[in-house]
C-alpha cells in the first residue's frame, strides 16, 4: 500500500520537473547540493548501491531503497531506472513519509 503511494508521488514529482535520473545526472545533483533525496532500486547491483551509499553519506544526502528498477521507471513514465534524485525539499519530505524506514538502507556485505 505504502509502496503504491510512494510510486505515485514519485510520478507526481517527475511531472513537476523535480527529478533527475541516471547515475551521472544523480551524481551531479548530489555533488552540486541540488539533490535532497536519492532513491535507488532494491535490485540495483552491489557496486551501484555501494557507490551511491558512499556518495550520499559523504555529501549528507538521504538515500532510500524502494521498488525494483522497472517499478521506479514505470512510476515516472520511463522503461527502467536504477537511481532517481529528488531536487525539491517538499517532494523529498513527502516521499520519505511514505517510505516505511526512511533512514534504512540495505547494507552491502
PDB file of N, CA and C in Angstrom:
ATOM      1  N   UNK A   1       0.828  -1.195   0.000  1.00  0.00           N
ATOM      2  CA  UNK A   1       0.000   0.000   0.000  1.00  0.00           C
ATOM      3  C   UNK A   1       0.873   1.260   0.000  1.00  0.00           C
ATOM      4  N   UNK A   2       1.810   1.320   0.949  1.00  0.00           N
ATOM      5  CA  UNK A   2       2.691   2.485   1.015  1.00  0.00           C
ATOM      6  C   UNK A   2       3.563   2.571  -0.232  1.00  0.00           C
ATOM      7  N   UNK A   3       3.929   1.408  -0.776  1.00  0.00           N
ATOM      8  CA  UNK A   3       4.778   1.393  -1.962  1.00  0.00           C
ATOM      9  C   UNK A   3       4.046   2.046  -3.133  1.00  0.00           C
ATOM     10  N   UNK A   4       2.751   1.727  -3.300  1.00  0.00           N
ATOM     11  CA  UNK A   4       1.976   2.325  -4.389  1.00  0.00           C
ATOM     12  C   UNK A   4       1.869   3.835  -4.224  1.00  0.00           C
ATOM     13  N   UNK A   5       1.645   4.283  -3.011  1.00  0.00           N
ATOM     14  CA  UNK A   5       1.557   5.721  -2.745  1.00  0.00           C
ATOM     15  C   UNK A   5       2.898   6.387  -3.037  1.00  0.00           C
ATOM     16  N   UNK A   6       3.977   5.736  -2.605  1.00  0.00           N
ATOM     17  CA  UNK A   6       5.323   6.249  -2.852  1.00  0.00           C
ATOM     18  C   UNK A   6       5.561   6.402  -4.350  1.00  0.00           C
ATOM     19  N   UNK A   7       5.251   5.354  -5.112  1.00  0.00           N
ATOM     20  CA  UNK A   7       5.499   5.377  -6.553  1.00  0.00           C
ATOM     21  C   UNK A   7       4.624   6.407  -7.266  1.00  0.00           C
ATOM     22  N   UNK A   8       3.381   6.573  -6.825  1.00  0.00           N
ATOM     23  CA  UNK A   8       2.524   7.574  -7.475  1.00  0.00           C
ATOM     24  C   UNK A   8       3.004   8.994  -7.159  1.00  0.00           C
ATOM     25  N   UNK A   9       3.500   9.213  -5.951  1.00  0.00           N
ATOM     26  CA  UNK A   9       4.038  10.531  -5.615  1.00  0.00           C
ATOM     27  C   UNK A   9       5.345  10.802  -6.356  1.00  0.00           C
ATOM     28  N   UNK A  10       6.089   9.747  -6.634  1.00  0.00           N
ATOM     29  CA  UNK A  10       7.300   9.882  -7.442  1.00  0.00           C
ATOM     30  C   UNK A  10       6.931  10.347  -8.851  1.00  0.00           C
ATOM     31  N   UNK A  11       5.853   9.781  -9.394  1.00  0.00           N
ATOM     32  CA  UNK A  11       5.358  10.203 -10.705  1.00  0.00           C
ATOM     33  C   UNK A  11       4.932  11.665 -10.710  1.00  0.00           C
ATOM     34  N   UNK A  12       4.311  12.093  -9.634  1.00  0.00           N
ATOM     35  CA  UNK A  12       3.900  13.491  -9.499  1.00  0.00           C
ATOM     36  C   UNK A  12       5.122  14.417  -9.509  1.00  0.00           C
ATOM     37  N   UNK A  13       6.167  14.011  -8.792  1.00  0.00           N
ATOM     38  CA  UNK A  13       7.406  14.802  -8.762  1.00  0.00           C
ATOM     39  C   UNK A  13       8.033  14.883 -10.151  1.00  0.00           C
ATOM     40  N   UNK A  14       7.955  13.793 -10.918  1.00  0.00           N
ATOM     41  CA  UNK A  14       8.503  13.782 -12.279  1.00  0.00           C
ATOM     42  C   UNK A  14       7.735  14.761 -13.165  1.00  0.00           C
ATOM     43  N   UNK A  15       6.414  14.724 -13.058  1.00  0.00           N
ATOM     44  CA  UNK A  15       5.595  15.637 -13.867  1.00  0.00           C
ATOM     45  C   UNK A  15       5.848  17.100 -13.491  1.00  0.00           C
ATOM     46  N   UNK A  16       6.228  17.323 -12.242  1.00  0.00           N
ATOM     47  CA  UNK A  16       6.538  18.686 -11.789  1.00  0.00           C
ATOM     48  C   UNK A  16       7.955  19.106 -12.172  1.00  0.00           C
ATOM     49  N   UNK A  17       8.734  18.186 -12.739  1.00  0.00           N
ATOM     50  CA  UNK A  17      10.095  18.511 -13.161  1.00  0.00           C
ATOM     51  C   UNK A  17      11.087  18.593 -12.019  1.00  0.00           C
ATOM     52  N   UNK A  18      10.841  17.868 -10.947  1.00  0.00           N
ATOM     53  CA  UNK A  18      11.688  17.942  -9.755  1.00  0.00           C
ATOM     54  C   UNK A  18      12.559  16.708  -9.554  1.00  0.00           C
ATOM     55  N   UNK A  19      12.745  15.903 -10.597  1.00  0.00           N
ATOM     56  CA  UNK A  19      13.576  14.703 -10.500  1.00  0.00           C
ATOM     57  C   UNK A  19      14.689  14.735 -11.525  1.00  0.00           C
ATOM     58  N   UNK A  20      15.763  14.033 -11.210  1.00  0.00           N
ATOM     59  CA  UNK A  20      16.841  13.777 -12.156  1.00  0.00           C
ATOM     60  C   UNK A  20      17.091  12.271 -12.090  1.00  0.00           C
ATOM     61  N   UNK A  21      17.352  11.650 -13.250  1.00  0.00           N
ATOM     62  CA  UNK A  21      17.544  10.201 -13.266  1.00  0.00           C
ATOM     63  C   UNK A  21      18.865   9.834 -13.928  1.00  0.00           C
ATOM     64  N   UNK A  22      19.273   8.606 -13.709  1.00  0.00           N
ATOM     65  CA  UNK A  22      20.518   8.111 -14.282  1.00  0.00           C
ATOM     66  C   UNK A  22      21.698   8.396 -13.374  1.00  0.00           C
ATOM     67  N   UNK A  23      22.670   7.510 -13.399  1.00  0.00           N
ATOM     68  CA  UNK A  23      23.818   7.616 -12.495  1.00  0.00           C
ATOM     69  C   UNK A  23      24.512   8.972 -12.560  1.00  0.00           C
ATOM     70  N   UNK A  24      24.894   9.398 -13.748  1.00  0.00           N
ATOM     71  CA  UNK A  24      25.656  10.646 -13.877  1.00  0.00           C
ATOM     72  C   UNK A  24      24.842  11.866 -13.465  1.00  0.00           C
ATOM     73  N   UNK A  25      23.587  11.913 -13.875  1.00  0.00           N
ATOM     74  CA  UNK A  25      22.737  13.038 -13.502  1.00  0.00           C
ATOM     75  C   UNK A  25      22.524  13.130 -12.002  1.00  0.00           C
ATOM     76  N   UNK A  26      22.336  11.978 -11.369  1.00  0.00           N
ATOM     77  CA  UNK A  26      22.129  11.962  -9.919  1.00  0.00           C
ATOM     78  C   UNK A  26      23.430  12.318  -9.198  1.00  0.00           C
ATOM     79  N   UNK A  27      24.566  11.770  -9.658  1.00  0.00           N
ATOM     80  CA  UNK A  27      25.858  12.124  -9.044  1.00  0.00           C
ATOM     81  C   UNK A  27      26.102  13.631  -9.124  1.00  0.00           C
ATOM     82  N   UNK A  28      25.803  14.225 -10.273  1.00  0.00           N
ATOM     83  CA  UNK A  28      25.999  15.667 -10.460  1.00  0.00           C
ATOM     84  C   UNK A  28      25.120  16.454  -9.488  1.00  0.00           C
ATOM     85  N   UNK A  29      23.872  16.017  -9.322  1.00  0.00           N
ATOM     86  CA  UNK A  29      22.951  16.697  -8.399  1.00  0.00           C
ATOM     87  C   UNK A  29      23.410  16.553  -6.951  1.00  0.00           C
ATOM     88  N   UNK A  30      23.979  15.405  -6.604  1.00  0.00           N
ATOM     89  CA  UNK A  30      24.493  15.200  -5.245  1.00  0.00           C
ATOM     90  C   UNK A  30      25.669  16.137  -4.995  1.00  0.00           C
ATOM     91  N   UNK A  31      26.621  16.148  -5.932  1.00  0.00           N
ATOM     92  CA  UNK A  31      27.820  16.978  -5.770  1.00  0.00           C
ATOM     93  C   UNK A  31      27.495  18.469  -5.713  1.00  0.00           C
ATOM     94  N   UNK A  32      26.509  18.901  -6.478  1.00  0.00           N
ATOM     95  CA  UNK A  32      26.169  20.329  -6.521  1.00  0.00           C
ATOM     96  C   UNK A  32      25.268  20.755  -5.361  1.00  0.00           C
ATOM     97  N   UNK A  33      24.782  19.794  -4.604  1.00  0.00           N
ATOM     98  CA  UNK A  33      23.905  20.114  -3.478  1.00  0.00           C
ATOM     99  C   UNK A  33      22.441  20.251  -3.859  1.00  0.00           C
ATOM    100  N   UNK A  34      22.117  19.989  -5.118  1.00  0.00           N
ATOM    101  CA  UNK A  34      20.726  20.090  -5.574  1.00  0.00           C
ATOM    102  C   UNK A  34      19.865  18.934  -5.085  1.00  0.00           C
ATOM    103  N   UNK A  35      20.438  17.742  -4.961  1.00  0.00           N
ATOM    104  CA  UNK A  35      19.668  16.555  -4.570  1.00  0.00           C
ATOM    105  C   UNK A  35      19.325  16.614  -3.088  1.00  0.00           C
ATOM    106  N   UNK A  36      18.046  16.499  -2.791  1.00  0.00           N
ATOM    107  CA  UNK A  36      17.579  16.482  -1.402  1.00  0.00           C
ATOM    108  C   UNK A  36      17.363  15.049  -0.923  1.00  0.00           C
ATOM    109  N   UNK A  37      17.175  14.131  -1.869  1.00  0.00           N
ATOM    110  CA  UNK A  37      16.917  12.728  -1.571  1.00  0.00           C
ATOM    111  C   UNK A  37      17.331  11.911  -2.782  1.00  0.00           C
ATOM    112  N   UNK A  38      17.915  10.748  -2.542  1.00  0.00           N
ATOM    113  CA  UNK A  38      18.257   9.831  -3.628  1.00  0.00           C
ATOM    114  C   UNK A  38      17.515   8.527  -3.387  1.00  0.00           C
ATOM    115  N   UNK A  39      16.890   8.030  -4.440  1.00  0.00           N
ATOM    116  CA  UNK A  39      16.164   6.767  -4.385  1.00  0.00           C
ATOM    117  C   UNK A  39      16.905   5.792  -5.280  1.00  0.00           C
ATOM    118  N   UNK A  40      17.159   4.612  -4.753  1.00  0.00           N
ATOM    119  CA  UNK A  40      17.852   3.576  -5.516  1.00  0.00           C
ATOM    120  C   UNK A  40      16.975   2.332  -5.540  1.00  0.00           C
ATOM    121  N   UNK A  41      16.968   1.641  -6.660  1.00  0.00           N
ATOM    122  CA  UNK A  41      16.177   0.416  -6.782  1.00  0.00           C
ATOM    123  C   UNK A  41      16.733  -0.660  -5.854  1.00  0.00           C
ATOM    124  N   UNK A  42      15.831  -1.429  -5.263  1.00  0.00           N
ATOM    125  CA  UNK A  42      16.245  -2.502  -4.361  1.00  0.00           C
ATOM    126  C   UNK A  42      17.051  -3.575  -5.089  1.00  0.00           C
ATOM    127  N   UNK A  43      16.823  -3.704  -6.404  1.00  0.00           N
ATOM    128  CA  UNK A  43      17.546  -4.721  -7.169  1.00  0.00           C
ATOM    129  C   UNK A  43      18.749  -4.144  -7.926  1.00  0.00           C
ATOM    130  N   UNK A  44      19.229  -2.990  -7.502  1.00  0.00           N
ATOM    131  CA  UNK A  44      20.443  -2.408  -8.100  1.00  0.00           C
ATOM    132  C   UNK A  44      21.638  -3.286  -7.746  1.00  0.00           C
ATOM    133  N   UNK A  45      22.659  -3.258  -8.576  1.00  0.00           N
ATOM    134  CA  UNK A  45      23.850  -4.075  -8.316  1.00  0.00           C
ATOM    135  C   UNK A  45      24.537  -3.614  -7.033  1.00  0.00           C
ATOM    136  N   UNK A  46      25.280  -4.507  -6.434  1.00  0.00           N
ATOM    137  CA  UNK A  46      26.002  -4.198  -5.192  1.00  0.00           C
ATOM    138  C   UNK A  46      26.965  -3.035  -5.404  1.00  0.00           C
ATOM    139  N   UNK A  47      27.614  -2.988  -6.563  1.00  0.00           N
ATOM    140  CA  UNK A  47      28.550  -1.906  -6.871  1.00  0.00           C
ATOM    141  C   UNK A  47      27.830  -0.555  -6.924  1.00  0.00           C
ATOM    142  N   UNK A  48      26.688  -0.519  -7.590  1.00  0.00           N
ATOM    143  CA  UNK A  48      25.912   0.721  -7.684  1.00  0.00           C
ATOM    144  C   UNK A  48      25.424   1.151  -6.309  1.00  0.00           C
ATOM    145  N   UNK A  49      24.931   0.214  -5.529  1.00  0.00           N
ATOM    146  CA  UNK A  49      24.468   0.535  -4.174  1.00  0.00           C
ATOM    147  C   UNK A  49      25.599   1.132  -3.348  1.00  0.00           C
ATOM    148  N   UNK A  50      26.774   0.532  -3.433  1.00  0.00           N
ATOM    149  CA  UNK A  50      27.930   0.998  -2.659  1.00  0.00           C
ATOM    150  C   UNK A  50      28.339   2.407  -3.089  1.00  0.00           C
ATOM    151  N   UNK A  51      28.401   2.646  -4.409  1.00  0.00           N
ATOM    152  CA  UNK A  51      28.788   3.967  -4.914  1.00  0.00           C
ATOM    153  C   UNK A  51      27.848   5.051  -4.405  1.00  0.00           C
ATOM    154  N   UNK A  52      26.549   4.791  -4.488  1.00  0.00           N
ATOM    155  CA  UNK A  52      25.585   5.800  -4.060  1.00  0.00           C
ATOM    156  C   UNK A  52      25.530   5.936  -2.547  1.00  0.00           C
ATOM    157  N   UNK A  53      25.698   4.839  -1.849  1.00  0.00           N
ATOM    158  CA  UNK A  53      25.722   4.891  -0.388  1.00  0.00           C
ATOM    159  C   UNK A  53      26.885   5.770   0.081  1.00  0.00           C
ATOM    160  N   UNK A  54      28.062   5.544  -0.489  1.00  0.00           N
ATOM    161  CA  UNK A  54      29.246   6.324  -0.121  1.00  0.00           C
ATOM    162  C   UNK A  54      29.088   7.803  -0.481  1.00  0.00           C
ATOM    163  N   UNK A  55      28.613   8.070  -1.698  1.00  0.00           N
ATOM    164  CA  UNK A  55      28.463   9.452  -2.167  1.00  0.00           C
ATOM    165  C   UNK A  55      27.433  10.204  -1.318  1.00  0.00           C
ATOM    166  N   UNK A  56      26.311   9.569  -1.025  1.00  0.00           N
ATOM    167  CA  UNK A  56      25.268  10.223  -0.222  1.00  0.00           C
ATOM    168  C   UNK A  56      25.731  10.456   1.208  1.00  0.00           C
ATOM    169  N   UNK A  57      26.461   9.507   1.758  1.00  0.00           N
ATOM    170  CA  UNK A  57      26.985   9.662   3.113  1.00  0.00           C
ATOM    171  C   UNK A  57      27.959  10.840   3.167  1.00  0.00           C
ATOM    172  N   UNK A  58      28.849  10.920   2.183  1.00  0.00           N
ATOM    173  CA  UNK A  58      29.849  11.984   2.138  1.00  0.00           C
ATOM    174  C   UNK A  58      29.203  13.368   2.026  1.00  0.00           C
ATOM    175  N   UNK A  59      28.182  13.493   1.169  1.00  0.00           N
ATOM    176  CA  UNK A  59      27.552  14.791   0.931  1.00  0.00           C
ATOM    177  C   UNK A  59      26.335  15.051   1.826  1.00  0.00           C
ATOM    178  N   UNK A  60      25.996  14.108   2.689  1.00  0.00           N
ATOM    179  CA  UNK A  60      24.883  14.304   3.618  1.00  0.00           C
ATOM    180  C   UNK A  60      23.509  14.289   2.975  1.00  0.00           C
ATOM    181  N   UNK A  61      23.348  13.464   1.945  1.00  0.00           N
ATOM    182  CA  UNK A  61      22.063  13.343   1.259  1.00  0.00           C
ATOM    183  C   UNK A  61      21.407  12.035   1.694  1.00  0.00           C
ATOM    184  N   UNK A  62      20.127  12.086   1.997  1.00  0.00           N
ATOM    185  CA  UNK A  62      19.415  10.874   2.403  1.00  0.00           C
ATOM    186  C   UNK A  62      19.279   9.937   1.213  1.00  0.00           C
ATOM    187  N   UNK A  63      19.433   8.640   1.484  1.00  0.00           N
ATOM    188  CA  UNK A  63      19.335   7.602   0.460  1.00  0.00           C
ATOM    189  C   UNK A  63      18.342   6.565   0.929  1.00  0.00           C
ATOM    190  N   UNK A  64      17.384   6.231   0.070  1.00  0.00           N
ATOM    191  CA  UNK A  64      16.453   5.156   0.401  1.00  0.00           C
ATOM    192  C   UNK A  64      16.375   4.165  -0.749  1.00  0.00           C
ATOM    193  N   UNK A  65      16.159   2.911  -0.403  1.00  0.00           N
ATOM    194  CA  UNK A  65      15.969   1.851  -1.391  1.00  0.00           C
ATOM    195  C   UNK A  65      14.483   1.544  -1.453  1.00  0.00           C
ATOM    196  N   UNK A  66      13.922   1.566  -2.661  1.00  0.00           N
ATOM    197  CA  UNK A  66      12.489   1.320  -2.808  1.00  0.00           C
ATOM    198  C   UNK A  66      12.200   0.802  -4.198  1.00  0.00           C
ATOM    199  N   UNK A  67      11.443  -0.265  -4.300  1.00  0.00           N
ATOM    200  CA  UNK A  67      10.984  -0.773  -5.583  1.00  0.00           C
ATOM    201  C   UNK A  67      12.078  -1.382  -6.434  1.00  0.00           C
ATOM    202  N   UNK A  68      11.645  -1.956  -7.533  1.00  0.00           N
ATOM    203  CA  UNK A  68      12.585  -2.528  -8.494  1.00  0.00           C
ATOM    204  C   UNK A  68      12.907  -1.475  -9.554  1.00  0.00           C
ATOM    205  N   UNK A  69      13.876  -1.782 -10.391  1.00  0.00           N
ATOM    206  CA  UNK A  69      14.238  -0.873 -11.486  1.00  0.00           C
ATOM    207  C   UNK A  69      13.027  -0.582 -12.367  1.00  0.00           C
ATOM    208  N   UNK A  70      12.241  -1.634 -12.622  1.00  0.00           N
ATOM    209  CA  UNK A  70      11.081  -1.489 -13.500  1.00  0.00           C
ATOM    210  C   UNK A  70       9.965  -0.695 -12.831  1.00  0.00           C
ATOM    211  N   UNK A  71       9.758  -0.906 -11.529  1.00  0.00           N
ATOM    212  CA  UNK A  71       8.732  -0.146 -10.807  1.00  0.00           C
ATOM    213  C   UNK A  71       9.085   1.340 -10.765  1.00  0.00           C
ATOM    214  N   UNK A  72      10.345   1.647 -10.485  1.00  0.00           N
ATOM    215  CA  UNK A  72      10.771   3.053 -10.450  1.00  0.00           C
ATOM    216  C   UNK A  72      10.607   3.699 -11.820  1.00  0.00           C
ATOM    217  N   UNK A  73      11.060   3.005 -12.852  1.00  0.00           N
ATOM    218  CA  UNK A  73      10.940   3.536 -14.207  1.00  0.00           C
ATOM    219  C   UNK A  73       9.495   3.747 -14.618  1.00  0.00           C
ATOM    220  N   UNK A  74       8.668   2.738 -14.366  1.00  0.00           N
ATOM    221  CA  UNK A  74       7.254   2.819 -14.741  1.00  0.00           C
ATOM    222  C   UNK A  74       6.553   3.979 -14.032  1.00  0.00           C
ATOM    223  N   UNK A  75       6.909   4.211 -12.774  1.00  0.00           N
ATOM    224  CA  UNK A  75       6.247   5.265 -11.999  1.00  0.00           C
ATOM    225  C   UNK A  75       6.528   6.663 -12.549  1.00  0.00           C
ATOM    226  N   UNK A  76       7.637   6.824 -13.265  1.00  0.00           N
ATOM    227  CA  UNK A  76       7.969   8.144 -13.828  1.00  0.00           C
ATOM    228  C   UNK A  76       7.834   8.179 -15.351  1.00  0.00           C
ATOM    229  N   UNK A  77       7.220   7.130 -15.913  1.00  0.00           N
ATOM    230  CA  UNK A  77       6.960   7.116 -17.346  1.00  0.00           C
ATOM    231  C   UNK A  77       8.146   6.726 -18.203  1.00  0.00           C
ATOM    232  N   UNK A  78       9.097   6.021 -17.626  1.00  0.00           N
ATOM    233  CA  UNK A  78      10.276   5.553 -18.363  1.00  0.00           C
ATOM    234  C   UNK A  78      10.293   4.025 -18.332  1.00  0.00           C
ATOM    235  N   UNK A  79      11.226   3.426 -19.074  1.00  0.00           N
ATOM    236  CA  UNK A  79      11.280   1.967 -19.094  1.00  0.00           C
ATOM    237  C   UNK A  79      11.799   1.397 -17.783  1.00  0.00           C
ATOM    238  N   UNK A  80      13.000   1.767 -17.389  1.00  0.00           N
ATOM    239  CA  UNK A  80      13.520   1.360 -16.082  1.00  0.00           C
ATOM    240  C   UNK A  80      14.551   2.367 -15.619  1.00  0.00           C
ATOM    241  N   UNK A  81      14.598   2.562 -14.312  1.00  0.00           N
ATOM    242  CA  UNK A  81      15.552   3.487 -13.711  1.00  0.00           C
ATOM    243  C   UNK A  81      16.090   2.870 -12.433  1.00  0.00           C
ATOM    244  N   UNK A  82      17.406   2.943 -12.262  1.00  0.00           N
ATOM    245  CA  UNK A  82      18.049   2.397 -11.065  1.00  0.00           C
ATOM    246  C   UNK A  82      18.160   3.471  -9.992  1.00  0.00           C
ATOM    247  N   UNK A  83      18.462   4.692 -10.395  1.00  0.00           N
ATOM    248  CA  UNK A  83      18.635   5.781  -9.428  1.00  0.00           C
ATOM    249  C   UNK A  83      17.823   7.005  -9.838  1.00  0.00           C
ATOM    250  N   UNK A  84      17.279   7.663  -8.827  1.00  0.00           N
ATOM    251  CA  UNK A  84      16.499   8.879  -9.041  1.00  0.00           C
ATOM    252  C   UNK A  84      16.897   9.883  -7.963  1.00  0.00           C
ATOM    253  N   UNK A  85      17.149  11.104  -8.376  1.00  0.00           N
ATOM    254  CA  UNK A  85      17.439  12.174  -7.429  1.00  0.00           C
ATOM    255  C   UNK A  85      16.254  13.122  -7.346  1.00  0.00           C
ATOM    256  N   UNK A  86      15.843  13.451  -6.135  1.00  0.00           N
ATOM    257  CA  UNK A  86      14.734  14.385  -5.915  1.00  0.00           C
ATOM    258  C   UNK A  86      15.345  15.753  -5.619  1.00  0.00           C
ATOM    259  N   UNK A  87      14.970  16.752  -6.409  1.00  0.00           N
ATOM    260  CA  UNK A  87      15.581  18.077  -6.323  1.00  0.00           C
ATOM    261  C   UNK A  87      14.806  19.063  -5.455  1.00  0.00           C
ATOM    262  N   UNK A  88      13.615  18.714  -5.055  1.00  0.00           N
ATOM    263  CA  UNK A  88      12.767  19.623  -4.285  1.00  0.00           C
ATOM    264  C   UNK A  88      12.600  19.110  -2.855  1.00  0.00           C
ATOM    265  N   UNK A  89      12.818  19.977  -1.883  1.00  0.00           N
ATOM    266  CA  UNK A  89      12.722  19.591  -0.479  1.00  0.00           C
ATOM    267  C   UNK A  89      11.343  19.112  -0.071  1.00  0.00           C
ATOM    268  N   UNK A  90      10.301  19.745  -0.595  1.00  0.00           N
ATOM    269  CA  UNK A  90       8.931  19.342  -0.273  1.00  0.00           C
ATOM    270  C   UNK A  90       8.614  17.945  -0.769  1.00  0.00           C
ATOM    271  N   UNK A  91       8.984  17.662  -2.016  1.00  0.00           N
ATOM    272  CA  UNK A  91       8.764  16.323  -2.555  1.00  0.00           C
ATOM    273  C   UNK A  91       9.609  15.293  -1.802  1.00  0.00           C
ATOM    274  N   UNK A  92      10.833  15.654  -1.461  1.00  0.00           N
ATOM    275  CA  UNK A  92      11.706  14.732  -0.726  1.00  0.00           C
ATOM    276  C   UNK A  92      11.085  14.367   0.616  1.00  0.00           C
ATOM    277  N   UNK A  93      10.565  15.349   1.306  1.00  0.00           N
ATOM    278  CA  UNK A  93       9.935  15.113   2.606  1.00  0.00           C
ATOM    279  C   UNK A  93       8.687  14.243   2.454  1.00  0.00           C
ATOM    280  N   UNK A  94       7.884  14.523   1.439  1.00  0.00           N
ATOM    281  CA  UNK A  94       6.668  13.758   1.190  1.00  0.00           C
ATOM    282  C   UNK A  94       6.994  12.292   0.888  1.00  0.00           C
ATOM    283  N   UNK A  95       8.018  12.060   0.084  1.00  0.00           N
ATOM    284  CA  UNK A  95       8.409  10.695  -0.267  1.00  0.00           C
ATOM    285  C   UNK A  95       8.972   9.951   0.939  1.00  0.00           C
ATOM    286  N   UNK A  96       9.718  10.632   1.779  1.00  0.00           N
ATOM    287  CA  UNK A  96      10.274   9.989   2.971  1.00  0.00           C
ATOM    288  C   UNK A  96       9.170   9.557   3.926  1.00  0.00           C
ATOM    289  N   UNK A  97       8.105  10.338   4.023  1.00  0.00           N
ATOM    290  CA  UNK A  97       6.984   9.975   4.889  1.00  0.00           C
ATOM    291  C   UNK A  97       6.294   8.706   4.400  1.00  0.00           C
ATOM    292  N   UNK A  98       6.288   8.505   3.083  1.00  0.00           N
ATOM    293  CA  UNK A  98       5.659   7.309   2.515  1.00  0.00           C
ATOM    294  C   UNK A  98       6.535   6.073   2.675  1.00  0.00           C
ATOM    295  N   UNK A  99       7.803   6.282   2.822  1.00  0.00           N
ATOM    296  CA  UNK A  99       8.737   5.163   2.923  1.00  0.00           C
ATOM    297  C   UNK A  99       8.665   4.581   4.324  1.00  0.00           C
ATOM    298  N   UNK A 100       8.629   3.279   4.424  1.00  0.00           N
ATOM    299  CA  UNK A 100       8.463   2.606   5.713  1.00  0.00           C
ATOM    300  C   UNK A 100       9.595   2.939   6.670  1.00  0.00           C
ATOM    301  N   UNK A 101      10.835   2.830   6.217  1.00  0.00           N
ATOM    302  CA  UNK A 101      12.008   3.131   7.036  1.00  0.00           C
ATOM    303  C   UNK A 101      12.884   4.127   6.292  1.00  0.00           C
ATOM    304  N   UNK A 102      12.603   5.437   6.376  1.00  0.00           N
ATOM    305  CA  UNK A 102      13.335   6.402   5.561  1.00  0.00           C
ATOM    306  C   UNK A 102      14.837   6.452   5.807  1.00  0.00           C
ATOM    307  N   UNK A 103      15.284   6.081   6.988  1.00  0.00           N
ATOM    308  CA  UNK A 103      16.719   6.159   7.266  1.00  0.00           C
ATOM    309  C   UNK A 103      17.425   4.836   7.001  1.00  0.00           C
ATOM    310  N   UNK A 104      16.682   3.818   6.633  1.00  0.00           N
ATOM    311  CA  UNK A 104      17.261   2.487   6.483  1.00  0.00           C
ATOM    312  C   UNK A 104      17.677   2.234   5.039  1.00  0.00           C
ATOM    313  N   UNK A 105      18.866   1.763   4.869  1.00  0.00           N
ATOM    314  CA  UNK A 105      19.379   1.371   3.569  1.00  0.00           C
ATOM    315  C   UNK A 105      19.918  -0.032   3.720  1.00  0.00           C
ATOM    316  N   UNK A 106      19.670  -0.861   2.722  1.00  0.00           N
ATOM    317  CA  UNK A 106      20.221  -2.208   2.784  1.00  0.00           C
ATOM    318  C   UNK A 106      21.738  -2.122   2.778  1.00  0.00           C
ATOM    319  N   UNK A 107      22.356  -2.797   3.710  1.00  0.00           N
ATOM    320  CA  UNK A 107      23.812  -2.783   3.778  1.00  0.00           C
ATOM    321  C   UNK A 107      24.389  -3.826   2.839  1.00  0.00           C
ATOM    322  N   UNK A 108      25.503  -3.492   2.256  1.00  0.00           N
ATOM    323  CA  UNK A 108      26.177  -4.367   1.308  1.00  0.00           C
ATOM    324  C   UNK A 108      27.278  -5.100   2.044  1.00  0.00           C
ATOM    325  N   UNK A 109      27.251  -6.405   1.955  1.00  0.00           N
ATOM    326  CA  UNK A 109      28.274  -7.215   2.640  1.00  0.00           C
ATOM    327  C   UNK A 109      29.556  -7.251   1.850  1.00  0.00           C
TER     328      UNK A 109
END
